[in-house]
Amino acid sequence: MLEKRVISFVALIAVTIGTIFVDWLCGIAVAAFIAVGLHEFFAMLEHKGIRAYRCFGLAVGLLIPFSITFRFESTKGWELLFIILSLLMLILMQFRSRQNSGVTVGISATLFGVIYVSWFFSFLIRIRYLPGGLGLLAAVLLITKLGDIGAYLVGVRFGKRPLLPSISPKKSAEGAVAGLVFSLAGAFISRPFLNFSGPHLAALGIVLGIIGQLGDLSESLVKRDCQVKDSGSILPGMGGILDEMDSLLFTAPVFYFYISTILK
């Protein structure tokens, strides 16, 4: 299992390094991750018996990263307009259906998937397009994923106290603390990209470390509700793409809004 996990991890690193240096190529890679992540999300819903609008959700979910990548935003607040139009489209589609049972859950779950997976993860593209975006993207990836790695390694080896057994029985308090320490280390490693003072880096590492673990736990909550162990099996030894996206789904938008505020 460890060997398979290492191979999958190296493959993800290779994809990241191979795409991060070209902004539009980075956008395409993010869109590909979103496509697979949405597919896994809707598959989990189907496992639970929820009839979501999979094709519509995938189409809308891909329009978001592509519109950001190729600068198709029509207005400053286009995301809200886009979500409202998507809701109206889903309702209009339902008017043609003879089966109305579970429509509220289906529409809500579809929109939740689009926002949770597509919109949140698309903030990685926005970060890449900021001034100095290459370094900023490298920073958020380092801080977030080092936290994931630290939580996993220490949790597996030394984890004794369950963190939230009702949500994720395998996560431990020791792993959570280690993840926070590793995120903190990631923040200081990212100093050349961020040019922040020591206390500023420490605060950023702690905040993103906590938010990243909340993202991980949130996806565990979804999996628990859908009664699945992993979101998928595309990454041997690691599970699905969504399992690897989960922490970034929360840290990317927080980091973007924080950095974009500083850069004003």
Protein backbone atom coordinates (compact mmCIF):
# COMPACT_ATOMS: atom_id res chain seq x y z
CA MET A 1 0.00 0.00 0.00
CA LEU A 2 2.82 2.42 0.88
CA GLU A 3 4.58 1.68 -2.42
CA LYS A 4 1.38 2.42 -4.38
CA ARG A 5 0.86 5.61 -2.38
CA VAL A 6 4.39 6.80 -3.15
CA ILE A 7 3.91 6.12 -6.88
CA SER A 8 0.63 8.05 -6.92
CA PHE A 9 2.22 10.90 -4.98
CA VAL A 10 5.14 11.12 -7.42
CA ALA A 11 2.68 11.15 -10.33
CA LEU A 12 0.79 14.08 -8.78
CA ILE A 13 4.04 15.95 -8.18
CA ALA A 14 5.04 15.37 -11.82
CA VAL A 15 1.71 16.72 -13.09
CA THR A 16 2.02 19.75 -10.83
CA ILE A 17 5.57 20.57 -11.89
CA GLY A 18 4.73 19.95 -15.53
CA THR A 19 1.86 22.45 -15.58
CA ILE A 20 2.43 25.08 -12.90
CA PHE A 21 4.93 27.18 -14.89
CA VAL A 22 2.48 28.05 -17.71
CA ASP A 23 -0.61 29.86 -16.44
CA TRP A 24 -3.12 28.57 -19.03
CA LEU A 25 -1.72 25.04 -18.80
CA CYS A 26 -2.13 25.25 -15.04
CA GLY A 27 -5.77 26.24 -15.63
CA ILE A 28 -6.32 23.21 -17.88
CA ALA A 29 -4.82 20.93 -15.23
CA VAL A 30 -7.05 22.42 -12.52
CA ALA A 31 -10.07 21.93 -14.80
CA ALA A 32 -9.10 18.28 -15.30
CA PHE A 33 -8.89 17.75 -11.54
CA ILE A 34 -12.29 19.41 -11.17
CA ALA A 35 -13.82 17.15 -13.82
CA VAL A 36 -12.62 14.00 -12.06
CA GLY A 37 -13.48 15.39 -8.62
CA LEU A 38 -17.04 16.23 -9.72
CA HIS A 39 -17.43 12.79 -11.28
CA GLU A 40 -16.41 11.20 -7.97
CA PHE A 41 -18.69 13.53 -6.01
CA PHE A 42 -21.75 12.67 -8.09
CA ALA A 43 -20.84 8.96 -7.94
CA MET A 44 -20.88 9.18 -4.13
CA LEU A 45 -24.31 10.82 -4.26
CA GLU A 46 -25.60 8.02 -6.48
CA HIS A 47 -24.22 5.47 -4.02
CA LYS A 48 -26.36 7.17 -1.37
CA GLY A 49 -29.37 7.10 -3.68
CA ILE A 50 -29.49 10.83 -4.51
CA ARG A 51 -30.44 11.60 -8.11
CA ALA A 52 -28.28 14.60 -8.96
CA TYR A 53 -27.98 16.23 -12.37
CA ARG A 54 -24.58 14.77 -13.18
CA CYS A 55 -24.15 15.95 -16.80
CA PHE A 56 -25.42 19.44 -16.02
CA GLY A 57 -23.21 19.67 -12.95
CA LEU A 58 -20.14 18.57 -14.90
CA ALA A 59 -20.84 21.05 -17.70
CA VAL A 60 -21.37 23.99 -15.35
CA GLY A 61 -18.51 22.87 -13.15
CA LEU A 62 -16.08 22.98 -16.09
CA LEU A 63 -17.32 26.33 -17.38
CA ILE A 64 -16.08 27.98 -14.17
CA PRO A 65 -12.36 27.06 -14.44
CA PHE A 66 -12.32 27.52 -18.22
CA SER A 67 -13.92 30.95 -17.98
CA ILE A 68 -11.27 32.01 -15.45
CA THR A 69 -8.42 30.48 -17.46
CA PHE A 70 -9.40 32.19 -20.72
CA ARG A 71 -10.66 35.42 -19.09
CA PHE A 72 -14.33 35.09 -20.04
CA GLU A 73 -15.68 36.78 -16.89
CA SER A 74 -18.44 39.15 -17.99
CA THR A 75 -18.80 41.11 -14.74
CA LYS A 76 -16.92 41.42 -11.45
CA GLY A 77 -19.52 39.38 -9.59
CA TRP A 78 -20.20 36.94 -12.41
CA GLU A 79 -19.97 33.88 -10.14
CA LEU A 80 -23.15 34.80 -8.25
CA LEU A 81 -25.02 35.49 -11.51
CA PHE A 82 -23.73 32.18 -12.87
CA ILE A 83 -25.00 30.25 -9.84
CA ILE A 84 -28.42 31.94 -10.03
CA LEU A 85 -28.73 31.11 -13.74
CA SER A 86 -27.69 27.52 -13.03
CA LEU A 87 -30.43 27.22 -10.42
CA LEU A 88 -33.01 28.57 -12.87
CA MET A 89 -31.81 26.13 -15.54
CA LEU A 90 -32.12 23.18 -13.16
CA ILE A 91 -35.67 24.20 -12.25
CA LEU A 92 -36.61 24.61 -15.93
CA MET A 93 -35.14 21.18 -16.68
CA GLN A 94 -37.24 19.69 -13.90
CA PHE A 95 -40.43 21.14 -15.43
CA ARG A 96 -40.03 18.65 -18.29
CA SER A 97 -39.69 15.67 -15.98
CA ARG A 98 -42.58 13.48 -14.92
CA GLN A 99 -40.74 12.39 -11.80
CA ASN A 100 -40.64 15.09 -9.12
CA SER A 101 -39.71 12.96 -6.13
CA GLY A 102 -36.45 14.11 -4.54
CA VAL A 103 -36.14 17.15 -6.83
CA THR A 104 -35.20 19.53 -3.99
CA VAL A 105 -32.40 17.25 -2.80
CA GLY A 106 -31.18 16.63 -6.35
CA ILE A 107 -31.01 20.32 -7.28
CA SER A 108 -29.41 21.26 -3.95
CA ALA A 109 -26.82 18.48 -4.19
CA THR A 110 -25.93 19.43 -7.78
CA LEU A 111 -25.36 23.09 -6.91
CA PHE A 112 -23.44 22.12 -3.77
CA GLY A 113 -21.11 19.96 -5.86
CA VAL A 114 -20.50 22.77 -8.35
CA ILE A 115 -19.71 25.28 -5.59
CA TYR A 116 -17.78 22.91 -3.32
CA VAL A 117 -15.64 21.18 -5.95
CA SER A 118 -15.51 23.48 -8.97
CA TRP A 119 -15.76 27.03 -7.66
CA PHE A 120 -13.57 26.48 -4.59
CA PHE A 121 -10.83 24.61 -6.47
CA SER A 122 -10.87 27.19 -9.29
CA PHE A 123 -9.34 29.69 -6.88
CA LEU A 124 -6.02 27.98 -7.61
CA ILE A 125 -6.27 29.46 -11.12
CA ARG A 126 -7.05 32.89 -9.70
CA ILE A 127 -3.98 32.62 -7.45
CA ARG A 128 -1.83 31.68 -10.44
CA TYR A 129 -3.03 34.78 -12.31
CA LEU A 130 -2.17 37.19 -9.49
CA PRO A 131 1.09 39.22 -9.72
CA GLY A 132 3.81 36.78 -8.70
CA GLY A 133 1.21 34.04 -9.02
CA LEU A 134 3.67 31.21 -9.64
CA GLY A 135 5.28 31.72 -6.24
CA LEU A 136 1.95 32.30 -4.52
CA LEU A 137 0.52 29.07 -5.95
CA ALA A 138 3.63 27.17 -4.93
CA ALA A 139 3.24 28.59 -1.41
CA VAL A 140 -0.38 27.54 -0.90
CA LEU A 141 0.38 24.09 -2.31
CA LEU A 142 3.40 23.66 -0.02
CA ILE A 143 1.62 24.85 3.12
CA THR A 144 -1.50 22.79 2.49
CA LYS A 145 -0.01 19.55 1.23
CA LEU A 146 2.84 19.45 3.74
CA GLY A 147 0.12 19.64 6.39
CA ASP A 148 -1.60 16.66 4.77
CA ILE A 149 1.65 14.69 4.63
CA GLY A 150 2.56 15.44 8.26
CA ALA A 151 -0.90 14.50 9.52
CA TYR A 152 -0.80 11.21 7.60
CA LEU A 153 2.73 10.12 8.51
CA VAL A 154 2.52 10.95 12.21
CA GLY A 155 -1.08 9.80 12.48
CA VAL A 156 -0.30 6.38 11.03
CA ARG A 157 2.82 5.90 13.14
CA PHE A 158 1.94 7.56 16.46
CA GLY A 159 -1.79 8.26 16.38
CA LYS A 160 -3.50 7.12 19.58
CA ARG A 161 -6.25 9.62 20.40
CA PRO A 162 -9.14 9.78 17.90
CA LEU A 163 -9.79 13.31 16.66
CA LEU A 164 -13.42 13.05 15.54
CA PRO A 165 -14.32 9.35 15.41
CA SER A 166 -17.92 10.03 14.36
CA ILE A 167 -16.60 11.64 11.15
CA SER A 168 -13.25 9.97 10.47
CA PRO A 169 -12.23 7.11 12.81
CA LYS A 170 -8.64 6.96 11.50
CA LYS A 171 -7.76 10.61 12.09
CA SER A 172 -5.95 11.27 15.35
CA ALA A 173 -5.19 14.27 17.54
CA GLU A 174 -1.48 13.52 17.17
CA GLY A 175 -1.83 13.62 13.38
CA ALA A 176 -3.73 16.91 13.56
CA VAL A 177 -0.99 18.53 15.65
CA ALA A 178 1.70 17.20 13.31
CA GLY A 179 -0.23 18.52 10.31
CA LEU A 180 -0.29 21.96 11.89
CA VAL A 181 3.47 21.82 12.53
CA PHE A 182 4.17 20.73 8.96
CA SER A 183 1.96 23.53 7.58
CA LEU A 184 3.90 25.96 9.73
CA ALA A 185 7.13 24.60 8.29
CA GLY A 186 5.66 24.91 4.80
CA ALA A 187 4.93 28.59 5.43
CA PHE A 188 8.59 29.26 6.35
CA ILE A 189 9.82 27.22 3.37
CA SER A 190 7.60 29.48 1.23
CA ARG A 191 9.23 32.64 2.53
CA PRO A 192 11.07 33.38 -0.77
CA PHE A 193 7.71 33.35 -2.57
CA LEU A 194 5.81 35.44 -0.02
CA ASN A 195 8.40 37.83 1.40
CA PHE A 196 6.51 38.01 4.72
CA SER A 197 7.97 38.58 8.18
CA GLY A 198 8.45 35.63 10.53
CA PRO A 199 5.32 36.29 12.66
CA HIS A 200 3.29 36.83 9.50
CA LEU A 201 4.45 33.51 8.07
CA ALA A 202 3.70 31.75 11.35
CA ALA A 203 0.17 33.14 11.45
CA LEU A 204 -0.44 32.18 7.81
CA GLY A 205 0.88 28.66 8.36
CA ILE A 206 -1.32 28.11 11.42
CA VAL A 207 -4.46 29.52 9.78
CA LEU A 208 -4.05 27.56 6.54
CA GLY A 209 -3.05 24.46 8.53
CA ILE A 210 -6.29 24.58 10.49
CA ILE A 211 -8.44 25.40 7.45
CA GLY A 212 -6.80 22.62 5.42
CA GLN A 213 -7.67 20.07 8.10
CA LEU A 214 -11.24 21.39 8.19
CA GLY A 215 -11.39 20.80 4.44
CA ASP A 216 -10.16 17.25 4.94
CA LEU A 217 -12.72 16.61 7.65
CA SER A 218 -15.49 18.12 5.54
CA GLU A 219 -14.86 15.65 2.74
CA SER A 220 -14.70 12.85 5.32
CA LEU A 221 -18.14 13.99 6.50
CA VAL A 222 -19.50 13.72 2.93
CA LYS A 223 -17.96 10.25 2.51
CA ARG A 224 -19.35 9.17 5.87
CA ASP A 225 -22.81 10.31 4.86
CA CYS A 226 -22.55 8.51 1.51
CA GLN A 227 -21.08 5.42 3.23
CA VAL A 228 -17.94 5.16 1.08
CA LYS A 229 -14.33 4.76 2.21
CA ASP A 230 -12.73 6.78 -0.59
CA SER A 231 -14.14 9.17 -3.18
CA GLY A 232 -12.67 6.96 -5.93
CA SER A 233 -9.83 4.63 -6.86
CA ILE A 234 -7.98 6.51 -9.60
CA LEU A 235 -4.92 6.98 -7.35
CA PRO A 236 -3.71 3.57 -6.11
CA GLY A 237 -2.97 3.65 -2.38
CA MET A 238 -4.49 7.12 -2.00
CA GLY A 239 -8.09 6.82 -3.19
CA GLY A 240 -9.74 9.37 -5.46
CA ILE A 241 -8.81 12.78 -6.80
CA LEU A 242 -11.31 14.42 -4.46
CA ASP A 243 -9.49 12.81 -1.51
CA GLU A 244 -6.39 14.78 -2.53
CA MET A 245 -8.24 18.00 -3.39
CA ASP A 246 -10.19 18.24 -0.12
CA SER A 247 -7.82 20.40 1.95
CA LEU A 248 -7.11 22.75 -0.97
CA LEU A 249 -10.85 23.29 -1.50
CA PHE A 250 -10.81 25.41 1.65
CA THR A 251 -7.30 26.86 1.71
CA ALA A 252 -7.29 28.10 -1.91
CA PRO A 253 -10.19 30.60 -1.59
CA VAL A 254 -9.04 31.79 1.85
CA PHE A 255 -5.48 32.30 0.62
CA TYR A 256 -6.69 34.08 -2.53
CA PHE A 257 -8.87 36.58 -0.68
CA TYR A 258 -6.14 37.18 1.88
CA ILE A 259 -3.38 37.75 -0.69
CA SER A 260 -5.57 39.78 -3.06
CA THR A 261 -6.45 42.07 -0.14
CA ILE A 262 -2.75 42.56 0.70
CA LEU A 263 -1.87 43.27 -2.95
CA LYS A 264 -4.42 46.10 -3.24
